[in-house]
C-alpha atoms as a PDB file:
ATOM      1  CA  MET A   1     -50.645  -3.317  54.143  1.00  0.00           C
ATOM      2  CA  LYS A   2     -49.137  -4.457  50.857  1.00  0.00           C
ATOM      3  CA  ILE A   3     -45.910  -2.497  50.527  1.00  0.00           C
ATOM      4  CA  ALA A   4     -43.229  -2.419  47.826  1.00  0.00           C
ATOM      5  CA  GLN A   5     -39.734  -1.429  48.915  1.00  0.00           C
ATOM      6  CA  VAL A   6     -37.537  -0.425  45.965  1.00  0.00           C
ATOM      7  CA  ALA A   7     -33.830  -0.447  46.799  1.00  0.00           C
ATOM      8  CA  PRO A   8     -30.727   0.798  45.001  1.00  0.00           C
ATOM      9  CA  LEU A   9     -28.825  -1.961  43.216  1.00  0.00           C
ATOM     10  CA  ALA A  10     -25.242  -0.900  43.938  1.00  0.00           C
ATOM     11  CA  GLU A  11     -25.198  -3.180  46.989  1.00  0.00           C
ATOM     12  CA  SER A  12     -27.202  -6.142  48.183  1.00  0.00           C
ATOM     13  CA  VAL A  13     -29.858  -5.657  50.871  1.00  0.00           C
ATOM     14  CA  PRO A  14     -28.360  -5.718  53.421  1.00  0.00           C
ATOM     15  CA  PRO A  15     -24.886  -4.959  52.058  1.00  0.00           C
ATOM     16  CA  ARG A  16     -21.973  -7.221  52.905  1.00  0.00           C
ATOM     17  CA  LEU A  17     -19.930  -4.270  54.142  1.00  0.00           C
ATOM     18  CA  TYR A  18     -20.453  -0.527  53.548  1.00  0.00           C
ATOM     19  CA  GLY A  19     -23.787   0.625  52.145  1.00  0.00           C
ATOM     20  CA  GLY A  20     -25.863   2.968  54.273  1.00  0.00           C
ATOM     21  CA  THR A  21     -29.041   3.195  52.183  1.00  0.00           C
ATOM     22  CA  GLU A  22     -29.260  -0.548  51.516  1.00  0.00           C
ATOM     23  CA  ARG A  23     -28.778  -1.247  55.201  1.00  0.00           C
ATOM     24  CA  ILE A  24     -31.638   1.055  56.180  1.00  0.00           C
ATOM     25  CA  VAL A  25     -33.889  -0.486  53.525  1.00  0.00           C
ATOM     26  CA  SER A  26     -33.144  -3.898  55.029  1.00  0.00           C
ATOM     27  CA  TYR A  27     -33.912  -2.810  58.589  1.00  0.00           C
ATOM     28  CA  LEU A  28     -37.172  -1.181  57.502  1.00  0.00           C
ATOM     29  CA  THR A  29     -38.247  -4.148  55.384  1.00  0.00           C
ATOM     30  CA  GLU A  30     -37.576  -6.723  58.086  1.00  0.00           C
ATOM     31  CA  GLU A  31     -39.359  -4.669  60.725  1.00  0.00           C
ATOM     32  CA  LEU A  32     -42.441  -4.232  58.527  1.00  0.00           C
ATOM     33  CA  VAL A  33     -42.580  -7.991  57.876  1.00  0.00           C
ATOM     34  CA  ALA A  34     -42.208  -8.687  61.609  1.00  0.00           C
ATOM     35  CA  MET A  35     -45.183  -6.382  62.209  1.00  0.00           C
ATOM     36  CA  GLY A  36     -47.336  -8.497  59.891  1.00  0.00           C
ATOM     37  CA  HIS A  37     -47.268  -6.485  56.668  1.00  0.00           C
ATOM     38  CA  GLU A  38     -46.949  -8.024  53.199  1.00  0.00           C
ATOM     39  CA  VAL A  39     -43.718  -6.594  51.804  1.00  0.00           C
ATOM     40  CA  THR A  40     -42.143  -7.101  48.398  1.00  0.00           C
ATOM     41  CA  LEU A  41     -38.500  -6.072  48.160  1.00  0.00           C
ATOM     42  CA  PHE A  42     -37.085  -5.100  44.765  1.00  0.00           C
ATOM     43  CA  ALA A  43     -33.327  -5.584  45.126  1.00  0.00           C
ATOM     44  CA  THR A  44     -30.397  -7.631  43.822  1.00  0.00           C
ATOM     45  CA  GLY A  45     -30.553 -11.419  43.820  1.00  0.00           C
ATOM     46  CA  ASP A  46     -27.860 -11.771  46.479  1.00  0.00           C
ATOM     47  CA  SER A  47     -30.029  -9.893  48.987  1.00  0.00           C
ATOM     48  CA  ARG A  48     -31.273 -11.637  52.137  1.00  0.00           C
ATOM     49  CA  THR A  49     -34.794 -10.883  53.328  1.00  0.00           C
ATOM     50  CA  SER A  50     -37.903 -12.363  54.917  1.00  0.00           C
ATOM     51  CA  ALA A  51     -39.988 -10.332  52.424  1.00  0.00           C
ATOM     52  CA  GLN A  52     -40.801 -11.536  48.931  1.00  0.00           C
ATOM     53  CA  LEU A  53     -37.693 -10.775  46.879  1.00  0.00           C
ATOM     54  CA  VAL A  54     -37.959  -9.603  43.270  1.00  0.00           C
ATOM     55  CA  ALA A  55     -34.480  -9.461  41.760  1.00  0.00           C
ATOM     56  CA  PRO A  56     -33.954  -7.667  38.426  1.00  0.00           C
ATOM     57  CA  TRP A  57     -30.214  -8.407  38.612  1.00  0.00           C
ATOM     58  CA  PRO A  58     -28.427 -11.406  40.163  1.00  0.00           C
ATOM     59  CA  ARG A  59     -25.832  -9.600  42.240  1.00  0.00           C
ATOM     60  CA  ALA A  60     -24.847  -6.227  43.673  1.00  0.00           C
ATOM     61  CA  LEU A  61     -23.636  -3.958  40.889  1.00  0.00           C
ATOM     62  CA  ARG A  62     -20.543  -3.118  42.924  1.00  0.00           C
ATOM     63  CA  SER A  63     -19.645  -6.833  42.828  1.00  0.00           C
ATOM     64  CA  ASP A  64     -20.328  -7.359  39.121  1.00  0.00           C
ATOM     65  CA  PRO A  65     -17.099  -6.567  37.241  1.00  0.00           C
ATOM     66  CA  GLY A  66     -18.625  -7.521  33.887  1.00  0.00           C
ATOM     67  CA  LEU A  67     -21.330  -4.864  34.086  1.00  0.00           C
ATOM     68  CA  ARG A  68     -20.586  -1.709  32.118  1.00  0.00           C
ATOM     69  CA  ASP A  69     -23.884   0.182  32.145  1.00  0.00           C
ATOM     70  CA  THR A  70     -25.463   0.292  35.602  1.00  0.00           C
ATOM     71  CA  SER A  71     -28.570   2.026  34.265  1.00  0.00           C
ATOM     72  CA  VAL A  72     -29.786  -1.187  32.616  1.00  0.00           C
ATOM     73  CA  PRO A  73     -30.551  -3.130  35.837  1.00  0.00           C
ATOM     74  CA  HIS A  74     -32.343  -0.105  37.290  1.00  0.00           C
ATOM     75  CA  ILE A  75     -34.495   0.310  34.168  1.00  0.00           C
ATOM     76  CA  LEU A  76     -35.405  -3.383  34.292  1.00  0.00           C
ATOM     77  CA  MET A  77     -36.350  -3.069  37.951  1.00  0.00           C
ATOM     78  CA  LEU A  78     -38.495   0.028  37.484  1.00  0.00           C
ATOM     79  CA  GLU A  79     -40.349  -1.557  34.574  1.00  0.00           C
ATOM     80  CA  GLU A  80     -41.203  -4.507  36.853  1.00  0.00           C
ATOM     81  CA  VAL A  81     -42.318  -2.158  39.636  1.00  0.00           C
ATOM     82  CA  TYR A  82     -44.502  -0.265  37.145  1.00  0.00           C
ATOM     83  CA  ARG A  83     -46.112  -3.421  35.770  1.00  0.00           C
ATOM     84  CA  ARG A  84     -46.884  -4.763  39.235  1.00  0.00           C
ATOM     85  CA  GLY A  85     -47.876  -1.441  40.765  1.00  0.00           C
ATOM     86  CA  GLY A  86     -51.521  -2.428  41.146  1.00  0.00           C
ATOM     87  CA  GLU A  87     -50.560  -5.182  43.598  1.00  0.00           C
ATOM     88  CA  PHE A  88     -49.510  -2.705  46.291  1.00  0.00           C
ATOM     89  CA  ASP A  89     -51.099  -0.166  48.602  1.00  0.00           C
ATOM     90  CA  VAL A  90     -47.973   1.954  48.405  1.00  0.00           C
ATOM     91  CA  ILE A  91     -44.612   1.889  46.626  1.00  0.00           C
ATOM     92  CA  HIS A  92     -41.672   3.166  48.663  1.00  0.00           C
ATOM     93  CA  CYS A  93     -38.590   4.092  46.624  1.00  0.00           C
ATOM     94  CA  HIS A  94     -35.042   4.722  47.823  1.00  0.00           C
ATOM     95  CA  LEU A  95     -33.528   5.506  44.396  1.00  0.00           C
ATOM     96  CA  ASP A  96     -33.140   9.266  44.494  1.00  0.00           C
ATOM     97  CA  TYR A  97     -34.858  10.431  41.269  1.00  0.00           C
ATOM     98  CA  CYS A  98     -34.791   7.893  38.422  1.00  0.00           C
ATOM     99  CA  HIS A  99     -38.283   6.514  39.139  1.00  0.00           C
ATOM    100  CA  PHE A 100     -40.248   9.766  39.288  1.00  0.00           C
ATOM    101  CA  SER A 101     -41.351  10.039  35.662  1.00  0.00           C
ATOM    102  CA  LEU A 102     -42.490   6.428  35.319  1.00  0.00           C
ATOM    103  CA  LEU A 103     -44.272   6.051  38.652  1.00  0.00           C
ATOM    104  CA  ASN A 104     -45.940   9.434  38.227  1.00  0.00           C
ATOM    105  CA  ARG A 105     -47.873   7.831  35.348  1.00  0.00           C
ATOM    106  CA  GLN A 106     -49.624   5.135  37.396  1.00  0.00           C
ATOM    107  CA  SER A 107     -52.242   5.276  40.130  1.00  0.00           C
ATOM    108  CA  THR A 108     -50.630   3.486  43.091  1.00  0.00           C
ATOM    109  CA  PRO A 109     -49.319   6.029  45.628  1.00  0.00           C
ATOM    110  CA  PHE A 110     -45.533   6.172  45.689  1.00  0.00           C
ATOM    111  CA  LEU A 111     -43.236   7.676  48.260  1.00  0.00           C
ATOM    112  CA  THR A 112     -39.590   8.629  47.926  1.00  0.00           C
ATOM    113  CA  THR A 113     -37.080   8.811  50.751  1.00  0.00           C
ATOM    114  CA  LEU A 114     -34.202  11.034  49.668  1.00  0.00           C
ATOM    115  CA  HIS A 115     -31.020   9.708  51.255  1.00  0.00           C
ATOM    116  CA  GLY A 116     -28.438  12.137  49.884  1.00  0.00           C
ATOM    117  CA  ARG A 117     -27.599  15.817  49.976  1.00  0.00           C
ATOM    118  CA  LEU A 118     -30.215  18.118  48.504  1.00  0.00           C
ATOM    119  CA  ASP A 119     -28.487  21.522  48.505  1.00  0.00           C
ATOM    120  CA  LEU A 120     -27.587  21.311  44.802  1.00  0.00           C
ATOM    121  CA  PRO A 121     -29.226  23.443  42.092  1.00  0.00           C
ATOM    122  CA  GLU A 122     -30.040  20.480  39.859  1.00  0.00           C
ATOM    123  CA  VAL A 123     -32.015  18.845  42.671  1.00  0.00           C
ATOM    124  CA  ALA A 124     -34.286  21.867  43.034  1.00  0.00           C
ATOM    125  CA  ALA A 125     -34.825  22.011  39.277  1.00  0.00           C
ATOM    126  CA  PHE A 126     -35.755  18.344  39.173  1.00  0.00           C
ATOM    127  CA  LEU A 127     -38.192  18.485  42.072  1.00  0.00           C
ATOM    128  CA  ASP A 128     -39.842  21.556  40.547  1.00  0.00           C
ATOM    129  CA  ALA A 129     -40.846  19.299  37.654  1.00  0.00           C
ATOM    130  CA  PHE A 130     -42.639  16.911  40.054  1.00  0.00           C
ATOM    131  CA  PRO A 131     -44.228  19.233  42.623  1.00  0.00           C
ATOM    132  CA  ASP A 132     -46.807  16.683  43.821  1.00  0.00           C
ATOM    133  CA  ALA A 133     -44.491  13.718  44.375  1.00  0.00           C
ATOM    134  CA  PRO A 134     -44.488  12.907  48.129  1.00  0.00           C
ATOM    135  CA  LEU A 135     -41.044  13.044  49.704  1.00  0.00           C
ATOM    136  CA  VAL A 136     -39.560  12.020  53.037  1.00  0.00           C
ATOM    137  CA  SER A 137     -36.409  13.618  54.416  1.00  0.00           C
ATOM    138  CA  ILE A 138     -34.109  11.813  56.830  1.00  0.00           C
ATOM    139  CA  SER A 139     -33.446  14.976  58.834  1.00  0.00           C
ATOM    140  CA  ASN A 140     -34.971  18.434  58.944  1.00  0.00           C
ATOM    141  CA  SER A 141     -31.671  20.009  57.964  1.00  0.00           C
ATOM    142  CA  GLN A 142     -31.551  17.881  54.804  1.00  0.00           C
ATOM    143  CA  ARG A 143     -34.688  19.539  53.424  1.00  0.00           C
ATOM    144  CA  ALA A 144     -33.858  23.110  54.477  1.00  0.00           C
ATOM    145  CA  SER A 145     -32.687  24.150  51.017  1.00  0.00           C
ATOM    146  CA  LEU A 146     -35.978  23.005  49.420  1.00  0.00           C
ATOM    147  CA  PRO A 147     -38.734  24.810  51.333  1.00  0.00           C
ATOM    148  CA  HIS A 148     -41.283  24.397  48.521  1.00  0.00           C
ATOM    149  CA  ALA A 149     -40.767  20.677  47.834  1.00  0.00           C
ATOM    150  CA  ASN A 150     -43.539  18.259  48.809  1.00  0.00           C
ATOM    151  CA  PHE A 151     -42.023  16.813  51.976  1.00  0.00           C
ATOM    152  CA  VAL A 152     -44.730  14.929  53.864  1.00  0.00           C
ATOM    153  CA  SER A 153     -42.548  13.872  56.801  1.00  0.00           C
ATOM    154  CA  THR A 154     -39.085  13.593  58.288  1.00  0.00           C
ATOM    155  CA  VAL A 155     -38.293  10.047  59.385  1.00  0.00           C
ATOM    156  CA  TYR A 156     -35.029   9.444  61.202  1.00  0.00           C
ATOM    157  CA  HIS A 157     -33.169   6.231  60.455  1.00  0.00           C
ATOM    158  CA  GLY A 158     -33.306   3.384  62.955  1.00  0.00           C
ATOM    159  CA  LEU A 159     -31.436   0.175  63.783  1.00  0.00           C
ATOM    160  CA  PRO A 160     -32.801  -3.135  65.059  1.00  0.00           C
ATOM    161  CA  VAL A 161     -32.740  -2.742  68.814  1.00  0.00           C
ATOM    162  CA  ASP A 162     -30.472  -5.761  69.397  1.00  0.00           C
ATOM    163  CA  LEU A 163     -28.266  -5.374  66.321  1.00  0.00           C
ATOM    164  CA  LEU A 164     -25.447  -3.602  68.198  1.00  0.00           C
ATOM    165  CA  GLN A 165     -25.046  -3.908  71.948  1.00  0.00           C
ATOM    166  CA  PRO A 166     -22.424  -2.550  74.347  1.00  0.00           C
ATOM    167  CA  LYS A 167     -19.519  -4.933  74.974  1.00  0.00           C
ATOM    168  CA  SER A 168     -17.803  -5.339  78.339  1.00  0.00           C
ATOM    169  CA  VAL A 169     -14.496  -3.793  77.307  1.00  0.00           C
ATOM    170  CA  THR A 170     -12.511  -0.866  78.640  1.00  0.00           C
ATOM    171  CA  PRO A 171     -12.557   2.058  76.170  1.00  0.00           C
ATOM    172  CA  THR A 172      -8.975   3.003  75.295  1.00  0.00           C
ATOM    173  CA  TYR A 173      -9.004   4.862  71.952  1.00  0.00           C
ATOM    174  CA  LEU A 174     -10.920   7.270  69.741  1.00  0.00           C
ATOM    175  CA  ALA A 175     -12.768   5.888  66.721  1.00  0.00           C
ATOM    176  CA  PHE A 176     -13.440   6.974  63.141  1.00  0.00           C
ATOM    177  CA  LEU A 177     -15.931   4.813  61.250  1.00  0.00           C
ATOM    178  CA  GLY A 178     -17.370   4.902  57.745  1.00  0.00           C
ATOM    179  CA  ARG A 179     -15.691   6.159  54.581  1.00  0.00           C
ATOM    180  CA  ILE A 180     -12.418   7.917  53.798  1.00  0.00           C
ATOM    181  CA  SER A 181     -13.227  11.175  52.020  1.00  0.00           C
ATOM    182  CA  PRO A 182     -12.476  14.876  52.532  1.00  0.00           C
ATOM    183  CA  ASP A 183     -16.103  15.558  53.531  1.00  0.00           C
ATOM    184  CA  LYS A 184     -15.933  12.998  56.337  1.00  0.00           C
ATOM    185  CA  GLY A 185     -12.765  14.561  57.758  1.00  0.00           C
ATOM    186  CA  PRO A 186     -10.439  11.664  58.687  1.00  0.00           C
ATOM    187  CA  GLU A 187      -7.429  14.017  58.678  1.00  0.00           C
ATOM    188  CA  ARG A 188      -9.268  16.251  61.153  1.00  0.00           C
ATOM    189  CA  ALA A 189      -9.985  13.207  63.323  1.00  0.00           C
ATOM    190  CA  ILE A 190      -6.266  12.394  63.326  1.00  0.00           C
ATOM    191  CA  ARG A 191      -5.355  15.928  64.391  1.00  0.00           C
ATOM    192  CA  ILE A 192      -8.002  15.891  67.137  1.00  0.00           C
ATOM    193  CA  ALA A 193      -6.705  12.584  68.478  1.00  0.00           C
ATOM    194  CA  ARG A 194      -3.134  13.889  68.470  1.00  0.00           C
ATOM    195  CA  GLN A 195      -4.208  16.898  70.533  1.00  0.00           C
ATOM    196  CA  THR A 196      -5.711  14.573  73.139  1.00  0.00           C
ATOM    197  CA  GLY A 197      -2.764  12.179  73.208  1.00  0.00           C
ATOM    198  CA  MET A 198      -5.106   9.238  72.577  1.00  0.00           C
ATOM    199  CA  PRO A 199      -4.697   6.710  69.752  1.00  0.00           C
ATOM    200  CA  LEU A 200      -7.168   6.804  66.862  1.00  0.00           C
ATOM    201  CA  LYS A 201      -8.472   3.664  65.175  1.00  0.00           C
ATOM    202  CA  ILE A 202      -9.899   4.124  61.673  1.00  0.00           C
ATOM    203  CA  ALA A 203     -12.386   1.541  60.374  1.00  0.00           C
ATOM    204  CA  ALA A 204     -13.285   2.848  56.944  1.00  0.00           C
ATOM    205  CA  LYS A 205     -13.524   1.969  53.277  1.00  0.00           C
ATOM    206  CA  VAL A 206     -11.669   3.831  50.536  1.00  0.00           C
ATOM    207  CA  ASP A 207     -13.666   4.301  47.330  1.00  0.00           C
ATOM    208  CA  GLN A 208     -11.846   4.504  44.027  1.00  0.00           C
ATOM    209  CA  GLU A 209     -12.538   8.233  43.696  1.00  0.00           C
ATOM    210  CA  ASP A 210     -10.897   8.853  47.072  1.00  0.00           C
ATOM    211  CA  ARG A 211      -7.739   6.784  46.475  1.00  0.00           C
ATOM    212  CA  ASP A 212      -5.644   9.811  45.613  1.00  0.00           C
ATOM    213  CA  TYR A 213      -6.814  11.694  48.719  1.00  0.00           C
ATOM    214  CA  PHE A 214      -6.080   8.661  50.872  1.00  0.00           C
ATOM    215  CA  SER A 215      -2.579   8.079  49.496  1.00  0.00           C
ATOM    216  CA  LYS A 216      -1.525  11.728  49.593  1.00  0.00           C
ATOM    217  CA  VAL A 217      -3.210  12.981  52.782  1.00  0.00           C
ATOM    218  CA  ILE A 218      -4.225  10.136  55.083  1.00  0.00           C
ATOM    219  CA  GLN A 219      -1.702   7.361  54.499  1.00  0.00           C
ATOM    220  CA  PRO A 220       1.326   9.499  55.487  1.00  0.00           C
ATOM    221  CA  MET A 221      -0.415  10.224  58.830  1.00  0.00           C
ATOM    222  CA  ILE A 222      -0.854   6.535  59.683  1.00  0.00           C
ATOM    223  CA  ASP A 223       1.931   5.168  61.869  1.00  0.00           C
ATOM    224  CA  GLY A 224       0.293   1.982  63.195  1.00  0.00           C
ATOM    225  CA  ARG A 225       0.706   3.134  66.803  1.00  0.00           C
ATOM    226  CA  THR A 226      -1.055   6.464  67.380  1.00  0.00           C
ATOM    227  CA  VAL A 227      -3.070   6.192  64.167  1.00  0.00           C
ATOM    228  CA  ILE A 228      -4.212   2.688  63.221  1.00  0.00           C
ATOM    229  CA  MET A 229      -5.952   1.900  59.930  1.00  0.00           C
ATOM    230  CA  GLN A 230      -8.188  -1.161  60.309  1.00  0.00           C
ATOM    231  CA  GLY A 231      -9.907  -0.809  56.958  1.00  0.00           C
ATOM    232  CA  GLU A 232     -13.530  -1.617  56.195  1.00  0.00           C
ATOM    233  CA  ILE A 233     -15.238  -3.703  58.888  1.00  0.00           C
ATOM    234  CA  SER A 234     -18.359  -5.859  58.841  1.00  0.00           C
ATOM    235  CA  GLU A 235     -21.566  -5.376  60.819  1.00  0.00           C
ATOM    236  CA  ALA A 236     -20.490  -8.146  63.191  1.00  0.00           C
ATOM    237  CA  GLN A 237     -17.269  -6.281  64.052  1.00  0.00           C
ATOM    238  CA  LYS A 238     -18.851  -2.923  64.828  1.00  0.00           C
ATOM    239  CA  ALA A 239     -20.011  -3.582  68.403  1.00  0.00           C
ATOM    240  CA  GLU A 240     -16.518  -4.529  69.561  1.00  0.00           C
ATOM    241  CA  PHE A 241     -14.920  -1.649  67.664  1.00  0.00           C
ATOM    242  CA  LEU A 242     -17.329   1.011  68.936  1.00  0.00           C
ATOM    243  CA  SER A 243     -17.579  -0.314  72.508  1.00  0.00           C
ATOM    244  CA  GLY A 244     -13.810  -0.080  72.801  1.00  0.00           C
ATOM    245  CA  ALA A 245     -13.846   3.609  71.862  1.00  0.00           C
ATOM    246  CA  VAL A 246     -13.889   6.475  74.345  1.00  0.00           C
ATOM    247  CA  ALA A 247     -15.815   8.402  71.693  1.00  0.00           C
ATOM    248  CA  LEU A 248     -16.671   8.324  68.023  1.00  0.00           C
ATOM    249  CA  LEU A 249     -15.209  11.293  66.140  1.00  0.00           C
ATOM    250  CA  MET A 250     -17.259  12.735  63.303  1.00  0.00           C
ATOM    251  CA  PRO A 251     -15.494  15.943  62.166  1.00  0.00           C
ATOM    252  CA  ILE A 252     -17.506  16.332  58.976  1.00  0.00           C
ATOM    253  CA  ASP A 253     -17.318  19.289  56.607  1.00  0.00           C
ATOM    254  CA  TRP A 254     -20.512  18.837  54.613  1.00  0.00           C
ATOM    255  CA  PRO A 255     -24.288  18.960  55.234  1.00  0.00           C
ATOM    256  CA  GLU A 256     -24.613  15.364  56.451  1.00  0.00           C
ATOM    257  CA  PRO A 257     -28.202  14.229  55.678  1.00  0.00           C
ATOM    258  CA  PHE A 258     -28.246  11.801  58.625  1.00  0.00           C
ATOM    259  CA  GLY A 259     -25.104   9.877  59.588  1.00  0.00           C
ATOM    260  CA  VAL A 260     -25.900   6.272  60.578  1.00  0.00           C
ATOM    261  CA  VAL A 261     -22.514   5.874  62.278  1.00  0.00           C
ATOM    262  CA  MET A 262     -23.715   8.216  65.027  1.00  0.00           C
ATOM    263  CA  ILE A 263     -26.607   5.984  66.046  1.00  0.00           C
ATOM    264  CA  GLU A 264     -24.441   2.880  65.646  1.00  0.00           C
ATOM    265  CA  ALA A 265     -22.107   4.365  68.258  1.00  0.00           C
ATOM    266  CA  MET A 266     -25.015   5.285  70.535  1.00  0.00           C
ATOM    267  CA  ALA A 267     -26.353   1.713  70.291  1.00  0.00           C
ATOM    268  CA  CYS A 268     -23.034   0.601  71.804  1.00  0.00           C
ATOM    269  CA  GLY A 269     -23.224   3.269  74.508  1.00  0.00           C
ATOM    270  CA  THR A 270     -20.393   5.229  72.912  1.00  0.00           C
ATOM    271  CA  PRO A 271     -20.636   9.042  72.973  1.00  0.00           C
ATOM    272  CA  VAL A 272     -20.312  10.964  69.710  1.00  0.00           C
ATOM    273  CA  VAL A 273     -18.211  14.092  69.217  1.00  0.00           C
ATOM    274  CA  ALA A 274     -19.312  15.666  65.947  1.00  0.00           C
ATOM    275  CA  PHE A 275     -19.013  18.951  64.112  1.00  0.00           C
ATOM    276  CA  ASN A 276     -22.084  21.168  63.956  1.00  0.00           C
ATOM    277  CA  ARG A 277     -22.972  20.415  60.353  1.00  0.00           C
ATOM    278  CA  GLY A 278     -26.106  19.080  58.696  1.00  0.00           C
ATOM    279  CA  SER A 279     -28.139  16.665  60.812  1.00  0.00           C
ATOM    280  CA  VAL A 280     -25.687  16.486  63.718  1.00  0.00           C
ATOM    281  CA  PRO A 281     -27.564  18.734  66.196  1.00  0.00           C
ATOM    282  CA  GLU A 282     -30.760  16.752  65.489  1.00  0.00           C
ATOM    283  CA  ILE A 283     -29.150  13.382  66.173  1.00  0.00           C
ATOM    284  CA  VAL A 284     -26.712  14.123  69.007  1.00  0.00           C
ATOM    285  CA  ASP A 285     -28.296  15.266  72.276  1.00  0.00           C
ATOM    286  CA  HIS A 286     -25.585  17.679  73.375  1.00  0.00           C
ATOM    287  CA  GLY A 287     -24.210  16.713  76.789  1.00  0.00           C
ATOM    288  CA  VAL A 288     -26.260  13.490  76.889  1.00  0.00           C
ATOM    289  CA  THR A 289     -25.256  11.279  73.945  1.00  0.00           C
ATOM    290  CA  GLY A 290     -22.233  13.307  72.953  1.00  0.00           C
ATOM    291  CA  PHE A 291     -21.089  16.804  72.098  1.00  0.00           C
ATOM    292  CA  VAL A 292     -21.776  19.064  69.122  1.00  0.00           C
ATOM    293  CA  VAL A 293     -18.666  21.159  68.471  1.00  0.00           C
ATOM    294  CA  GLU A 294     -17.532  23.816  66.015  1.00  0.00           C
ATOM    295  CA  ASP A 295     -13.897  22.959  65.316  1.00  0.00           C
ATOM    296  CA  GLU A 296     -10.933  20.703  66.054  1.00  0.00           C
ATOM    297  CA  THR A 297      -9.818  22.639  69.135  1.00  0.00           C
ATOM    298  CA  GLU A 298     -13.239  22.389  70.752  1.00  0.00           C
ATOM    299  CA  ALA A 299     -13.495  18.719  69.824  1.00  0.00           C
ATOM    300  CA  ALA A 300     -10.159  17.907  71.473  1.00  0.00           C
ATOM    301  CA  ALA A 301     -11.098  19.851  74.614  1.00  0.00           C
ATOM    302  CA  THR A 302     -14.421  18.036  74.786  1.00  0.00           C
ATOM    303  CA  ILE A 303     -12.821  14.584  74.918  1.00  0.00           C
ATOM    304  CA  SER A 304     -11.817  15.231  78.528  1.00  0.00           C
ATOM    305  CA  LYS A 305     -15.529  15.582  79.414  1.00  0.00           C
ATOM    306  CA  VAL A 306     -16.676  12.370  77.770  1.00  0.00           C
ATOM    307  CA  HIS A 307     -15.860  10.212  80.788  1.00  0.00           C
ATOM    308  CA  THR A 308     -18.540  12.062  82.776  1.00  0.00           C
ATOM    309  CA  MET A 309     -21.255  10.774  80.434  1.00  0.00           C
ATOM    310  CA  SER A 310     -23.242   7.649  81.282  1.00  0.00           C
ATOM    311  CA  ARG A 311     -22.801   5.047  78.558  1.00  0.00           C
ATOM    312  CA  GLU A 312     -26.002   3.413  79.833  1.00  0.00           C
ATOM    313  CA  MET A 313     -27.801   6.718  79.229  1.00  0.00           C
ATOM    314  CA  VAL A 314     -26.359   6.926  75.711  1.00  0.00           C
ATOM    315  CA  ARG A 315     -27.739   3.457  74.992  1.00  0.00           C
ATOM    316  CA  SER A 316     -31.097   4.369  76.546  1.00  0.00           C
ATOM    317  CA  HIS A 317     -31.445   7.418  74.299  1.00  0.00           C
ATOM    318  CA  PHE A 318     -30.699   5.249  71.277  1.00  0.00           C
ATOM    319  CA  GLN A 319     -33.502   2.882  72.298  1.00  0.00           C
ATOM    320  CA  SER A 320     -35.992   5.710  72.693  1.00  0.00           C
ATOM    321  CA  ARG A 321     -35.169   7.557  69.452  1.00  0.00           C
ATOM    322  CA  PHE A 322     -33.402   5.454  66.852  1.00  0.00           C
ATOM    323  CA  THR A 323     -34.750   1.895  66.653  1.00  0.00           C
ATOM    324  CA  ALA A 324     -36.008   0.212  63.484  1.00  0.00           C
ATOM    325  CA  ARG A 325     -39.420  -0.301  65.114  1.00  0.00           C
ATOM    326  CA  ARG A 326     -39.822   3.435  65.662  1.00  0.00           C
ATOM    327  CA  MET A 327     -38.715   4.064  62.062  1.00  0.00           C
ATOM    328  CA  ALA A 328     -41.215   1.518  60.723  1.00  0.00           C
ATOM    329  CA  LEU A 329     -44.068   3.009  62.754  1.00  0.00           C
ATOM    330  CA  ASP A 330     -43.242   6.475  61.431  1.00  0.00           C
ATOM    331  CA  TYR A 331     -43.267   5.227  57.844  1.00  0.00           C
ATOM    332  CA  LEU A 332     -46.545   3.359  58.378  1.00  0.00           C
ATOM    333  CA  ASP A 333     -48.163   6.644  59.372  1.00  0.00           C
ATOM    334  CA  VAL A 334     -47.052   8.081  56.021  1.00  0.00           C
ATOM    335  CA  TYR A 335     -48.092   4.980  54.038  1.00  0.00           C
ATOM    336  CA  ARG A 336     -51.587   5.011  55.537  1.00  0.00           C
ATOM    337  CA  ASP A 337     -52.008   8.697  54.847  1.00  0.00           C
ATOM    338  CA  LEU A 338     -51.041   8.191  51.202  1.00  0.00           C
ATOM    339  CA  ALA A 339     -53.190   5.080  50.805  1.00  0.00           C
ATOM    340  CA  VAL A 340     -56.414   6.723  51.975  1.00  0.00           C
ATOM    341  CA  ARG A 341     -56.100   9.636  49.583  1.00  0.00           C
ATOM    342  CA  SER A 342     -57.992   9.498  46.305  1.00  0.00           C
ATOM    343  CA  PRO A 343     -55.741   8.029  43.602  1.00  0.00           C
ATOM    344  CA  PRO A 344     -54.363  10.804  41.403  1.00  0.00           C
ATOM    345  CA  LYS A 345     -55.576  11.045  37.839  1.00  0.00           C
ATOM    346  CA  LEU A 346     -53.173   9.644  35.305  1.00  0.00           C
ATOM    347  CA  ARG A 347     -51.259  12.420  33.611  1.00  0.00           C
ATOM    348  CA  VAL A 348     -51.233  12.714  29.853  1.00  0.00           C
ATOM    349  CA  VAL A 349     -47.954  13.843  28.353  1.00  0.00           C
ATOM    350  CA  GLN A 350     -48.507  16.183  25.424  1.00  0.00           C
END
């Protein structure tokens, strides 16, 4: 198939450090190319891909201090996608909503994977305006608030099977990985670790909007001995970090659409202890790859049970459920279904 993948421009594909959506776009793109498909990736010029790269902007917007209006690169990209639409069997967008109006006015089937939270009133209002646009959710819980939207499938994220592998190290600490924000619950992770008497290592970025929260709430709790802040880590550092953890803590307080850190931990054989929010019960097989808990007290009590879990079994479940090949096959089913449908008639705006 001839497939266009349209990525966000905030980060390169794949991102140098944090960037969940761009990372998934990279894994999907590379897997589709490896399977013999002709893929064109619309992304920033500093992206790295075996697909044909079309770059509307030279570098990740996050790394471009001279850029003031981030809408301009996205408009340039979408205009290029629109002009070249006839070259593809399907256009797969990962941009949330900004492409809907333009791509709805051309005949090539387009698909949108929604990567963020959808339980907001403005989201429902927007999707009501485009009732026929095919959507993919990244968990069933993500789409629960939009029962009438045109979801054609749920496709769980996946990682390249050999990207992260268990390391031969003795687990000695609890881990928190990802981003420092109130929704992610790093202060809850610290309290859970303190209840268990185990040290907590935090490998996380701090966005500008969360600086105040970090300095007032998290930083005073970091002592460098029982709570260690490692900062943002690269992909290459994750296997060592996660393999050395007794468990990954994910005490979230928001409807997590997916949570890639959970499957990153599983790839390393590391069990996940996560709050029962959003996608968690779909991703964590309770008692097999980790534990789904309700609060801090239950999470701390559960840590004593983690040693009974087989880390080999955790890794095996990752391989059966959350690889990039499985993700690519699931998306191909959707692409083929869209491609065989009769092209929609072009809509005339009155």
